[in-house]
C-alpha atoms as a PDB file:
ATOM      1  CA  MET A   1      14.921 -66.784  84.531  1.00  0.00           C
ATOM      2  CA  ASP A   2      11.607 -68.838  86.345  1.00  0.00           C
ATOM      3  CA  LEU A   3       9.391 -66.568  87.128  1.00  0.00           C
ATOM      4  CA  GLN A   4       8.510 -67.315  90.687  1.00  0.00           C
ATOM      5  CA  ARG A   5      12.035 -67.452  91.543  1.00  0.00           C
ATOM      6  CA  ALA A   6      12.734 -64.138  90.002  1.00  0.00           C
ATOM      7  CA  LEU A   7      10.178 -62.152  91.811  1.00  0.00           C
ATOM      8  CA  ALA A   8      11.490 -63.652  95.013  1.00  0.00           C
ATOM      9  CA  ILE A   9      14.643 -61.974  93.757  1.00  0.00           C
ATOM     10  CA  LEU A  10      13.118 -58.849  93.008  1.00  0.00           C
ATOM     11  CA  SER A  11      11.343 -59.162  96.482  1.00  0.00           C
ATOM     12  CA  LEU A  12      14.602 -59.131  98.183  1.00  0.00           C
ATOM     13  CA  ARG A  13      15.937 -56.360  96.702  1.00  0.00           C
ATOM     14  CA  LEU A  14      12.831 -54.031  96.601  1.00  0.00           C
ATOM     15  CA  TYR A  15      13.246 -55.218 100.653  1.00  0.00           C
ATOM     16  CA  GLU A  16      16.554 -54.336 100.914  1.00  0.00           C
ATOM     17  CA  TRP A  17      16.775 -51.380  98.819  1.00  0.00           C
ATOM     18  CA  SER A  18      14.088 -50.263 100.585  1.00  0.00           C
ATOM     19  CA  THR A  19      15.720 -50.088 103.579  1.00  0.00           C
ATOM     20  CA  GLY A  20      18.883 -48.673 102.997  1.00  0.00           C
ATOM     21  CA  ASP A  21      17.117 -45.934 101.350  1.00  0.00           C
ATOM     22  CA  PHE A  22      14.170 -45.716 104.070  1.00  0.00           C
ATOM     23  CA  LEU A  23      16.675 -45.342 106.737  1.00  0.00           C
ATOM     24  CA  ARG A  24      19.023 -43.007 105.245  1.00  0.00           C
ATOM     25  CA  GLU A  25      15.962 -40.499 104.548  1.00  0.00           C
ATOM     26  CA  LEU A  26      15.061 -40.995 107.945  1.00  0.00           C
ATOM     27  CA  SER A  27      18.811 -39.624 108.981  1.00  0.00           C
ATOM     28  CA  THR A  28      18.907 -37.338 106.854  1.00  0.00           C
ATOM     29  CA  GLY A  29      15.820 -35.103 108.016  1.00  0.00           C
ATOM     30  CA  CYS A  30      13.309 -36.787 105.518  1.00  0.00           C
ATOM     31  CA  PRO A  31      14.340 -34.878 102.496  1.00  0.00           C
ATOM     32  CA  LEU A  32      11.889 -36.462 100.080  1.00  0.00           C
ATOM     33  CA  LEU A  33       9.141 -37.143 102.247  1.00  0.00           C
ATOM     34  CA  SER A  34       9.284 -33.156 103.508  1.00  0.00           C
ATOM     35  CA  ARG A  35       8.132 -32.251  99.199  1.00  0.00           C
ATOM     36  CA  VAL A  36       4.964 -33.581 100.567  1.00  0.00           C
ATOM     37  CA  GLY A  37       4.345 -33.261 103.849  1.00  0.00           C
ATOM     38  CA  GLN A  38       2.475 -29.853 104.146  1.00  0.00           C
ATOM     39  CA  HIS A  39      -0.068 -31.185 101.643  1.00  0.00           C
ATOM     40  CA  ASN A  40      -0.257 -34.916 103.140  1.00  0.00           C
ATOM     41  CA  ARG A  41      -0.723 -34.847 106.816  1.00  0.00           C
ATOM     42  CA  ARG A  42      -0.270 -38.321 107.327  1.00  0.00           C
ATOM     43  CA  VAL A  43       3.199 -37.925 106.208  1.00  0.00           C
ATOM     44  CA  GLY A  44       3.380 -34.357 107.422  1.00  0.00           C
ATOM     45  CA  GLY A  45       2.800 -35.693 110.877  1.00  0.00           C
ATOM     46  CA  PHE A  46       5.224 -38.567 110.583  1.00  0.00           C
ATOM     47  CA  ILE A  47       7.390 -36.284 110.033  1.00  0.00           C
ATOM     48  CA  SER A  48       6.795 -34.265 112.618  1.00  0.00           C
ATOM     49  CA  TRP A  49       6.744 -37.590 115.071  1.00  0.00           C
ATOM     50  CA  VAL A  50      10.036 -38.801 113.931  1.00  0.00           C
ATOM     51  CA  ARG A  51      12.241 -35.781 114.710  1.00  0.00           C
ATOM     52  CA  THR A  52      11.246 -36.118 118.683  1.00  0.00           C
ATOM     53  CA  LEU A  53      12.534 -39.817 118.382  1.00  0.00           C
ATOM     54  CA  PRO A  54      16.057 -40.497 119.257  1.00  0.00           C
ATOM     55  CA  ALA A  55      18.092 -42.363 116.618  1.00  0.00           C
ATOM     56  CA  ASP A  56      17.823 -45.805 117.876  1.00  0.00           C
ATOM     57  CA  ALA A  57      14.258 -45.826 118.399  1.00  0.00           C
ATOM     58  CA  ARG A  58      13.545 -44.348 115.081  1.00  0.00           C
ATOM     59  CA  ASP A  59      16.055 -46.865 112.688  1.00  0.00           C
ATOM     60  CA  SER A  60      14.325 -49.677 115.146  1.00  0.00           C
ATOM     61  CA  MET A  61      10.428 -48.817 114.175  1.00  0.00           C
ATOM     62  CA  ALA A  62      11.759 -47.904 110.495  1.00  0.00           C
ATOM     63  CA  ARG A  63      12.739 -51.552 110.326  1.00  0.00           C
ATOM     64  CA  SER A  64       9.258 -52.528 111.989  1.00  0.00           C
ATOM     65  CA  LEU A  65       7.177 -50.366 109.057  1.00  0.00           C
ATOM     66  CA  LEU A  66       9.510 -52.376 106.188  1.00  0.00           C
ATOM     67  CA  ARG A  67       9.223 -55.915 107.822  1.00  0.00           C
ATOM     68  CA  ARG A  68       5.226 -55.771 107.487  1.00  0.00           C
ATOM     69  CA  ALA A  69       4.995 -53.754 103.852  1.00  0.00           C
ATOM     70  CA  HIS A  70       7.630 -56.480 102.761  1.00  0.00           C
ATOM     71  CA  GLU A  71       6.337 -59.441 104.435  1.00  0.00           C
ATOM     72  CA  GLU A  72       7.074 -61.668 101.821  1.00  0.00           C
ATOM     73  CA  ALA A  73      10.628 -60.561 101.229  1.00  0.00           C
ATOM     74  CA  ALA A  74      10.881 -60.086 105.050  1.00  0.00           C
ATOM     75  CA  ALA A  75      10.139 -64.040 105.107  1.00  0.00           C
ATOM     76  CA  LEU A  76      12.697 -65.324 102.574  1.00  0.00           C
ATOM     77  CA  LYS A  77      15.656 -63.946 104.638  1.00  0.00           C
ATOM     78  CA  GLU A  78      14.091 -65.804 107.707  1.00  0.00           C
ATOM     79  CA  GLU A  79      12.920 -62.347 109.678  1.00  0.00           C
ATOM     80  CA  THR A  80       9.401 -62.695 111.149  1.00  0.00           C
ATOM     81  CA  VAL A  81       6.763 -59.767 111.962  1.00  0.00           C
ATOM     82  CA  THR A  82       7.453 -59.566 116.083  1.00  0.00           C
ATOM     83  CA  GLN A  83       5.030 -58.231 118.898  1.00  0.00           C
ATOM     84  CA  MET A  84       7.771 -55.408 118.788  1.00  0.00           C
ATOM     85  CA  ASP A  85       6.838 -55.127 115.100  1.00  0.00           C
ATOM     86  CA  ARG A  86       3.180 -54.672 115.824  1.00  0.00           C
ATOM     87  CA  ASN A  87       3.340 -52.056 117.917  1.00  0.00           C
ATOM     88  CA  TRP A  88       5.682 -50.039 116.349  1.00  0.00           C
ATOM     89  CA  TYR A  89       2.586 -50.275 113.714  1.00  0.00           C
ATOM     90  CA  GLN A  90      -0.233 -49.095 116.193  1.00  0.00           C
ATOM     91  CA  LYS A  91       2.774 -46.343 117.818  1.00  0.00           C
ATOM     92  CA  PHE A  92       2.890 -45.072 114.270  1.00  0.00           C
ATOM     93  CA  TYR A  93      -0.453 -44.936 113.633  1.00  0.00           C
ATOM     94  CA  GLU A  94      -1.087 -42.986 117.268  1.00  0.00           C
ATOM     95  CA  GLN A  95       1.339 -40.676 117.112  1.00  0.00           C
ATOM     96  CA  THR A  96       1.299 -39.871 113.434  1.00  0.00           C
ATOM     97  CA  THR A  97      -2.959 -39.042 114.081  1.00  0.00           C
ATOM     98  CA  ILE A  98      -1.566 -37.432 116.960  1.00  0.00           C
ATOM     99  CA  HIS A  99       0.874 -34.908 115.328  1.00  0.00           C
ATOM    100  CA  MET A 100      -1.280 -34.322 112.228  1.00  0.00           C
ATOM    101  CA  GLU A 101      -3.661 -32.739 113.650  1.00  0.00           C
ATOM    102  CA  ALA A 102      -1.412 -30.420 115.090  1.00  0.00           C
ATOM    103  CA  LEU A 103      -0.606 -29.407 112.076  1.00  0.00           C
ATOM    104  CA  PRO A 104      -1.326 -25.853 110.421  1.00  0.00           C
ATOM    105  CA  PRO A 105      -3.961 -25.738 107.877  1.00  0.00           C
ATOM    106  CA  LEU A 106      -3.230 -25.820 104.136  1.00  0.00           C
ATOM    107  CA  VAL A 107      -2.676 -21.980 103.563  1.00  0.00           C
ATOM    108  CA  THR A 108      -2.650 -22.271  99.930  1.00  0.00           C
ATOM    109  CA  ALA A 109      -5.761 -24.604 100.116  1.00  0.00           C
ATOM    110  CA  ASP A 110      -8.230 -22.167 101.740  1.00  0.00           C
ATOM    111  CA  PRO A 111     -11.225 -21.111  99.531  1.00  0.00           C
ATOM    112  CA  ASN A 112     -11.339 -17.757 101.501  1.00  0.00           C
ATOM    113  CA  LEU A 113      -8.155 -16.627 100.862  1.00  0.00           C
ATOM    114  CA  PRO A 114      -8.558 -13.281  98.248  1.00  0.00           C
ATOM    115  CA  THR A 115      -5.835 -14.809  96.279  1.00  0.00           C
ATOM    116  CA  PHE A 116      -7.148 -18.303  96.217  1.00  0.00           C
ATOM    117  CA  GLU A 117      -7.259 -19.612  91.940  1.00  0.00           C
ATOM    118  CA  ASP A 118      -8.757 -23.495  92.158  1.00  0.00           C
ATOM    119  CA  ALA A 119      -6.925 -26.505  90.817  1.00  0.00           C
ATOM    120  CA  ASN A 120      -7.908 -26.788  87.619  1.00  0.00           C
ATOM    121  CA  PRO A 121      -6.860 -31.089  86.433  1.00  0.00           C
ATOM    122  CA  ASP A 122      -5.816 -30.754  83.044  1.00  0.00           C
ATOM    123  CA  GLU A 123      -4.024 -28.452  84.197  1.00  0.00           C
ATOM    124  CA  CYS A 124      -2.210 -29.891  86.879  1.00  0.00           C
ATOM    125  CA  LEU A 125      -1.558 -32.836  84.790  1.00  0.00           C
ATOM    126  CA  ASP A 126      -0.301 -30.846  81.948  1.00  0.00           C
ATOM    127  CA  LEU A 127       2.738 -29.320  84.116  1.00  0.00           C
ATOM    128  CA  LEU A 128       2.968 -32.955  85.514  1.00  0.00           C
ATOM    129  CA  PHE A 129       3.203 -34.627  82.412  1.00  0.00           C
ATOM    130  CA  SER A 130       6.429 -31.302  80.838  1.00  0.00           C
ATOM    131  CA  SER A 131       8.654 -32.337  84.394  1.00  0.00           C
ATOM    132  CA  LEU A 132       8.703 -36.397  83.366  1.00  0.00           C
ATOM    133  CA  PRO A 133      12.309 -37.159  82.940  1.00  0.00           C
ATOM    134  CA  SER A 134      13.539 -39.249  79.949  1.00  0.00           C
ATOM    135  CA  THR A 135      14.403 -41.309  83.302  1.00  0.00           C
ATOM    136  CA  MET A 136      10.609 -42.726  83.733  1.00  0.00           C
ATOM    137  CA  GLY A 137      10.093 -44.317  80.556  1.00  0.00           C
ATOM    138  CA  SER A 138       7.284 -43.144  77.567  1.00  0.00           C
ATOM    139  CA  ALA A 139       4.615 -41.436  79.214  1.00  0.00           C
ATOM    140  CA  SER A 140       1.147 -41.207  77.608  1.00  0.00           C
ATOM    141  CA  ARG A 141      -1.606 -37.994  78.860  1.00  0.00           C
ATOM    142  CA  ARG A 142      -4.866 -39.648  79.953  1.00  0.00           C
ATOM    143  CA  ARG A 143      -7.990 -38.140  80.423  1.00  0.00           C
ATOM    144  CA  SER A 144      -6.921 -37.893  84.313  1.00  0.00           C
ATOM    145  CA  ALA A 145      -4.189 -39.094  84.568  1.00  0.00           C
ATOM    146  CA  VAL A 146      -0.245 -39.487  83.286  1.00  0.00           C
ATOM    147  CA  ARG A 147       1.301 -43.050  82.363  1.00  0.00           C
ATOM    148  CA  CYS A 148       4.690 -43.641  82.278  1.00  0.00           C
ATOM    149  CA  SER A 149       6.404 -47.066  80.861  1.00  0.00           C
ATOM    150  CA  ARG A 150       9.628 -48.554  81.191  1.00  0.00           C
ATOM    151  CA  ARG A 151      10.337 -51.625  79.463  1.00  0.00           C
ATOM    152  CA  ILE A 152      13.521 -53.868  80.670  1.00  0.00           C
ATOM    153  CA  GLY A 153      13.797 -56.721  79.208  1.00  0.00           C
ATOM    154  CA  GLU A 154      10.824 -58.163  79.310  1.00  0.00           C
ATOM    155  CA  TRP A 155       9.639 -56.649  82.262  1.00  0.00           C
ATOM    156  CA  THR A 156       7.638 -53.615  81.935  1.00  0.00           C
ATOM    157  CA  LEU A 157       7.837 -51.021  85.232  1.00  0.00           C
ATOM    158  CA  ALA A 158       4.579 -48.400  84.935  1.00  0.00           C
ATOM    159  CA  THR A 159       4.252 -45.722  86.852  1.00  0.00           C
ATOM    160  CA  ASP A 160       0.188 -44.026  87.112  1.00  0.00           C
ATOM    161  CA  PHE A 161       0.251 -40.382  88.201  1.00  0.00           C
ATOM    162  CA  THR A 162      -4.088 -39.889  88.208  1.00  0.00           C
ATOM    163  CA  PHE A 163      -6.053 -37.164  89.739  1.00  0.00           C
ATOM    164  CA  LEU A 164      -9.218 -37.527  91.876  1.00  0.00           C
ATOM    165  CA  ARG A 165     -10.488 -34.632  90.612  1.00  0.00           C
ATOM    166  CA  ARG A 166     -13.473 -35.430  92.975  1.00  0.00           C
ATOM    167  CA  ASP A 167     -11.426 -34.694  96.052  1.00  0.00           C
ATOM    168  CA  ARG A 168      -8.834 -32.488  94.485  1.00  0.00           C
ATOM    169  CA  TYR A 169      -6.041 -35.085  94.849  1.00  0.00           C
ATOM    170  CA  LEU A 170      -3.044 -36.585  93.232  1.00  0.00           C
ATOM    171  CA  ALA A 171      -1.361 -39.567  94.131  1.00  0.00           C
ATOM    172  CA  PHE A 172       0.893 -42.278  92.074  1.00  0.00           C
ATOM    173  CA  GLU A 173       1.443 -45.915  92.017  1.00  0.00           C
ATOM    174  CA  HIS A 174       3.715 -48.344  90.801  1.00  0.00           C
ATOM    175  CA  GLU A 175       3.520 -51.653  89.178  1.00  0.00           C
ATOM    176  CA  ILE A 176       6.216 -54.307  87.804  1.00  0.00           C
ATOM    177  CA  ARG A 177       5.375 -57.199  85.682  1.00  0.00           C
ATOM    178  CA  ARG A 178       6.798 -59.800  83.175  1.00  0.00           C
ATOM    179  CA  LYS A 179       5.178 -60.298  80.763  1.00  0.00           C
ATOM    180  CA  ASP A 180       4.437 -63.993  81.162  1.00  0.00           C
ATOM    181  CA  GLN A 181       2.946 -62.970  84.538  1.00  0.00           C
ATOM    182  CA  PRO A 182      -0.529 -63.746  85.358  1.00  0.00           C
ATOM    183  CA  LEU A 183      -2.898 -60.891  85.829  1.00  0.00           C
ATOM    184  CA  VAL A 184      -3.385 -61.258  89.691  1.00  0.00           C
ATOM    185  CA  TRP A 185      -5.817 -58.539  91.620  1.00  0.00           C
ATOM    186  CA  GLY A 186      -5.569 -57.547  95.281  1.00  0.00           C
ATOM    187  CA  ILE A 187      -2.989 -55.944  97.182  1.00  0.00           C
ATOM    188  CA  ASP A 188      -1.246 -59.247  98.200  1.00  0.00           C
ATOM    189  CA  ALA A 189      -0.448 -59.961  94.247  1.00  0.00           C
ATOM    190  CA  PRO A 190       3.324 -59.754  93.958  1.00  0.00           C
ATOM    191  CA  PHE A 191       4.076 -56.205  92.681  1.00  0.00           C
ATOM    192  CA  ALA A 192       0.602 -55.290  92.498  1.00  0.00           C
ATOM    193  CA  ARG A 193      -0.142 -51.836  92.284  1.00  0.00           C
ATOM    194  CA  ALA A 194       2.162 -49.816  95.222  1.00  0.00           C
ATOM    195  CA  SER A 195       3.778 -45.928  95.463  1.00  0.00           C
ATOM    196  CA  LEU A 196       7.108 -45.519  97.480  1.00  0.00           C
ATOM    197  CA  LEU A 197       5.869 -44.423 100.657  1.00  0.00           C
ATOM    198  CA  PHE A 198       4.072 -47.764  99.890  1.00  0.00           C
ATOM    199  CA  PHE A 199       7.304 -49.205  99.983  1.00  0.00           C
ATOM    200  CA  TYR A 200       8.471 -47.940 102.939  1.00  0.00           C
ATOM    201  CA  GLY A 201       6.115 -48.636 105.378  1.00  0.00           C
ATOM    202  CA  ILE A 202       3.253 -45.331 104.899  1.00  0.00           C
ATOM    203  CA  SER A 203       0.378 -46.845 103.010  1.00  0.00           C
ATOM    204  CA  GLU A 204      -1.009 -43.117 102.708  1.00  0.00           C
ATOM    205  CA  SER A 205       0.328 -40.968  99.507  1.00  0.00           C
ATOM    206  CA  ALA A 206      -2.158 -38.886  97.908  1.00  0.00           C
ATOM    207  CA  VAL A 207      -1.408 -35.137  98.123  1.00  0.00           C
ATOM    208  CA  VAL A 208      -3.935 -32.483  98.724  1.00  0.00           C
ATOM    209  CA  VAL A 209      -4.330 -30.250  95.500  1.00  0.00           C
ATOM    210  CA  GLY A 210      -7.120 -27.645  95.889  1.00  0.00           C
ATOM    211  CA  SER A 211      -5.570 -24.544  94.512  1.00  0.00           C
ATOM    212  CA  ARG A 212      -3.504 -23.783  91.683  1.00  0.00           C
ATOM    213  CA  ALA A 213      -0.524 -23.101  93.627  1.00  0.00           C
ATOM    214  CA  ASP A 214      -0.657 -26.264  95.029  1.00  0.00           C
ATOM    215  CA  SER A 215      -0.388 -27.858  91.199  1.00  0.00           C
ATOM    216  CA  ALA A 216       2.108 -25.741  91.140  1.00  0.00           C
ATOM    217  CA  LEU A 217       4.090 -27.396  93.826  1.00  0.00           C
ATOM    218  CA  MET A 218       3.299 -30.891  93.462  1.00  0.00           C
ATOM    219  CA  ALA A 219       3.326 -31.753  90.152  1.00  0.00           C
ATOM    220  CA  PRO A 220       7.379 -32.027  89.824  1.00  0.00           C
ATOM    221  CA  ALA A 221       6.937 -33.255  93.809  1.00  0.00           C
ATOM    222  CA  MET A 222       5.388 -36.600  92.629  1.00  0.00           C
ATOM    223  CA  VAL A 223       7.560 -36.960  89.461  1.00  0.00           C
ATOM    224  CA  ARG A 224      10.632 -36.348  92.006  1.00  0.00           C
ATOM    225  CA  LEU A 225       9.208 -39.121  94.471  1.00  0.00           C
ATOM    226  CA  ALA A 226       8.482 -41.581  91.077  1.00  0.00           C
ATOM    227  CA  ASP A 227      11.275 -40.237  89.668  1.00  0.00           C
ATOM    228  CA  HIS A 228      13.416 -41.742  92.893  1.00  0.00           C
ATOM    229  CA  PHE A 229      12.422 -45.237  92.583  1.00  0.00           C
ATOM    230  CA  VAL A 230      12.497 -46.113  89.112  1.00  0.00           C
ATOM    231  CA  SER A 231      15.752 -44.500  89.113  1.00  0.00           C
ATOM    232  CA  GLN A 232      16.992 -47.659  91.052  1.00  0.00           C
ATOM    233  CA  ALA A 233      15.172 -49.912  88.237  1.00  0.00           C
ATOM    234  CA  ASP A 234      18.679 -50.958  86.547  1.00  0.00           C
ATOM    235  CA  SER A 235      20.473 -52.070  89.546  1.00  0.00           C
ATOM    236  CA  LEU A 236      16.863 -53.506  91.178  1.00  0.00           C
ATOM    237  CA  PHE A 237      16.698 -55.771  87.604  1.00  0.00           C
ATOM    238  CA  ALA A 238      20.391 -56.200  87.540  1.00  0.00           C
ATOM    239  CA  ALA A 239      19.675 -59.096  90.586  1.00  0.00           C
ATOM    240  CA  ILE A 240      17.947 -61.091  87.838  1.00  0.00           C
ATOM    241  CA  GLY A 241      20.766 -61.080  84.937  1.00  0.00           C
ATOM    242  CA  VAL A 242      18.419 -57.823  82.829  1.00  0.00           C
ATOM    243  CA  ALA A 243      19.330 -54.686  81.043  1.00  0.00           C
ATOM    244  CA  ASP A 244      17.826 -51.636  80.395  1.00  0.00           C
END
């Protein structure tokens, strides 16, 4: 299949999947997001805010965030980003900021506690590496990262988990690329590196890993979030006739 047509179909499938999955996540009380909500204050503030919204407003907000995150795919469906979408995005930023500032501090990352043990980046990445399910594909351990690569026909679905040592953050990103696809840098490139949360319209995906206790919680939690998307690969790529 022509590369541009394949990318367009994948964009549409990803948009449709993200919409259904994000609405499911919100309607069931944010079980996935709650895994990292305490360690990512923007996500925690978002969860806190969402719980104050009635169902119709919650769904309207979610669809607005999704249209902005998948603007090209939305355009293919003849959907446009409206002023209401922009208003929701502005309200998203304002309200998550208000709610995140009201969240209690992350106790496990408090270095003043007598039980505090500083996070060991290598230990965290080793734990993450050992938690990877086979669905993530082949994995390699690097100095400050773990890379997973799943081949699907001529396509590669890569996932990078990165420990930002100076900031004590753990983040992950996905990238989808066909072998004949030219390398294009920038956030507007098709399937540029993005996280599951970005597919939902939430840009901040890194979590705080300040202590060994945080490592024990966040390494498997971030694997679970990433695998939630990677496990959808078969259905996403089936739309362009590719089998794993």
